[in-house]
Protein backbone atom coordinates (compact mmCIF):
# COMPACT_ATOMS: atom_id res chain seq x y z
CA GLN A 1 148.85 92.37 135.92
CA THR A 2 152.36 92.31 133.61
CA ILE A 3 154.26 95.32 132.59
CA LEU A 4 157.18 95.05 130.21
CA ILE A 5 160.32 97.06 131.03
CA GLN A 6 162.01 97.81 127.68
CA ASN A 7 165.54 96.76 127.07
CA ILE A 8 166.88 96.99 130.67
CA TYR A 9 169.45 94.12 130.88
CA ARG A 10 172.24 94.31 129.26
CA ASN A 11 174.05 90.77 128.77
CA PRO A 12 178.03 91.49 129.29
CA GLN A 13 178.74 88.89 127.11
CA ASN A 14 176.86 90.69 124.22
CA SER A 15 178.39 94.09 124.67
CA ALA A 16 182.07 93.58 126.47
CA GLN A 17 184.33 94.91 124.12
CA THR A 18 187.96 95.52 124.07
CA ALA A 19 189.52 99.19 122.93
CA ASP A 20 190.37 97.64 119.69
CA GLY A 21 187.19 96.11 118.90
CA SER A 22 187.32 92.33 119.97
CA HIS A 23 185.05 91.14 122.28
CA CYS A 24 186.14 89.94 126.36
CA ALA A 25 185.77 86.78 127.52
CA VAL A 26 182.74 86.78 130.26
CA SER A 27 183.17 83.26 132.16
CA ASP A 28 179.95 81.34 132.19
CA VAL A 29 180.39 81.96 136.28
CA GLU A 30 180.65 85.19 136.29
CA MET A 31 177.77 85.96 133.67
CA GLN A 32 175.61 84.00 135.75
CA GLU A 33 176.57 86.02 138.85
CA HIS A 34 176.12 89.19 136.98
CA TYR A 35 172.78 88.16 135.95
CA ASP A 36 171.66 86.70 139.26
CA GLU A 37 172.16 89.84 140.75
CA PHE A 38 170.60 92.38 138.40
CA PHE A 39 167.45 89.73 138.89
CA GLU A 40 167.58 89.67 142.52
CA GLU A 41 167.88 93.75 142.27
CA VAL A 42 164.98 94.20 140.00
CA PHE A 43 162.79 91.76 141.71
CA THR A 44 163.21 92.67 145.22
CA GLU A 45 162.12 96.56 144.07
CA MET A 46 158.90 95.33 142.32
CA GLU A 47 157.70 93.99 145.14
CA GLU A 48 159.22 96.28 147.93
CA LYS A 49 157.95 98.95 145.85
CA TYR A 50 154.70 97.98 144.19
CA GLY A 51 153.57 94.75 145.28
CA GLU A 52 153.87 90.72 145.34
CA VAL A 53 155.21 89.68 142.18
CA GLU A 54 154.17 86.36 140.66
CA GLU A 55 156.33 85.60 137.90
CA MET A 56 159.73 87.57 136.24
CA ASN A 57 161.23 86.81 133.10
CA VAL A 58 164.22 88.19 131.32
CA CYS A 59 164.38 88.08 127.65
CA ASP A 60 168.13 86.70 126.37
CA ASN A 61 167.28 87.39 122.28
CA LEU A 62 169.30 89.64 120.41
CA GLY A 63 166.49 91.26 118.21
CA ASP A 64 165.94 94.80 119.13
CA HIS A 65 162.45 94.06 120.18
CA LEU A 66 163.32 91.55 122.63
CA VAL A 67 166.41 92.42 123.99
CA GLY A 68 167.25 92.65 127.93
CA ASN A 69 163.26 92.57 127.99
CA VAL A 70 161.86 92.30 131.53
CA TYR A 71 158.60 90.85 132.12
CA VAL A 72 156.95 91.42 135.57
CA LYS A 73 153.95 89.45 136.23
CA PHE A 74 152.27 91.23 139.60
CA ARG A 75 149.50 89.08 141.89
CA ARG A 76 147.52 92.87 140.99
CA GLU A 77 146.54 94.45 138.65
CA GLU A 78 146.62 97.93 140.39
CA ASP A 79 150.11 97.05 141.74
CA ALA A 80 151.35 96.47 137.66
CA GLU A 81 149.52 100.53 136.93
CA LYS A 82 151.03 101.89 139.56
CA ALA A 83 155.10 100.40 138.57
CA VAL A 84 154.28 102.03 134.64
CA ILE A 85 153.21 105.31 136.08
CA ASP A 86 156.63 105.39 138.34
CA LEU A 87 159.04 103.35 136.25
CA ASN A 88 158.41 105.97 133.24
CA ASN A 89 160.10 108.62 135.63
CA ARG A 90 163.27 106.69 136.60
CA TRP A 91 166.62 105.69 135.23
CA PHE A 92 168.42 102.72 135.40
CA ASN A 93 172.23 101.80 134.74
CA GLY A 94 172.41 105.95 133.13
CA GLN A 95 169.24 105.08 131.01
CA PRO A 96 165.85 106.09 130.85
CA ILE A 97 163.25 103.15 132.31
CA HIS A 98 160.52 102.69 129.29
CA ALA A 99 157.66 100.85 131.07
CA GLU A 100 154.03 99.91 129.56
CA LEU A 101 151.25 96.90 130.30
CA SER A 102 151.47 93.87 128.33
CA PRO A 103 148.94 91.41 127.54
CA VAL A 104 151.52 88.42 128.27
CA THR A 105 150.12 86.67 131.18
CA ASP A 106 150.64 83.13 130.15
CA PHE A 107 154.56 83.27 129.58
CA ARG A 108 154.81 79.25 128.42
CA GLU A 109 152.70 80.78 125.16
CA ALA A 110 155.16 82.98 124.42
CA CYS A 111 158.20 80.64 125.23
CA CYS A 112 160.39 79.50 122.36
CA ARG A 113 160.01 75.56 122.94
CA GLN A 114 163.20 74.80 120.62
CA TYR A 115 165.14 77.03 123.06
CA GLU A 116 164.21 75.50 125.92
CA MET A 117 165.41 72.15 124.57
CA GLY A 118 168.59 73.74 123.47
CA GLU A 119 167.17 73.25 119.80
CA CYS A 120 166.58 76.98 118.56
CA THR A 121 168.15 77.23 114.93
CA ARG A 122 166.66 81.01 114.59
CA GLY A 123 169.83 81.99 117.44
CA GLY A 124 169.02 85.39 119.22
CA PHE A 125 166.91 86.26 116.38
CA CYS A 126 163.68 84.47 117.15
CA ASN A 127 160.98 86.23 117.40
CA PHE A 128 159.62 83.84 120.69
CA MET A 129 161.03 84.60 124.14
CA HIS A 130 164.23 82.94 124.87
CA LEU A 131 163.91 83.23 128.80
CA LYS A 132 167.52 83.42 130.53
CA PRO A 133 167.38 81.26 133.87
CA ILE A 134 168.29 81.97 137.30
CA SER A 135 170.21 80.15 139.29
CA ARG A 136 168.32 77.22 141.09
CA GLU A 137 169.18 78.88 144.82
CA LEU A 138 168.71 82.50 143.74
CA ARG A 139 165.01 80.98 142.50
CA ARG A 140 164.63 79.41 146.09
CA GLU A 141 165.60 82.73 147.83
CA LEU A 142 163.35 84.81 146.02
CA TYR A 143 160.32 82.46 145.55
CA GLY A 144 160.39 80.71 148.17
CA ARG A 145 159.70 84.05 150.75
CA ARG A 146 156.19 83.32 149.79
CA ARG A 147 155.69 79.61 151.44
CA LYS A 148 157.41 81.54 154.46
CA LYS A 149 154.77 84.01 154.90
């Protein structure tokens, strides 16, 4: 039921550099707006094209194998299979999309509990998922649609 879209989210705080190589400051408010826009775009497209999304998570880790990974858990396995086939023939932000089926169905087991409590000492290179939260308003809007149906 779950697909992994590898390295698709680009965190502006990790990649914002000026011409002289110094980092640009991106405010927390700008960061959240940028992230919410990305999340809503991907979530909405997944639901409209492939089927109902139960849960979507984005990794905020820095390690190469986790950076920018998006996990989308569909209600039905057929929707996940259809999404993987279709997405591997597409591009996003000027880069080819790499999607695959993932065995992860319970994200609580894969998440870093220390990170959730603000105590992870391994930082962005931790091997457990550091999930980036969306704003409360967007969560209500995206996941609240179901209750209305």
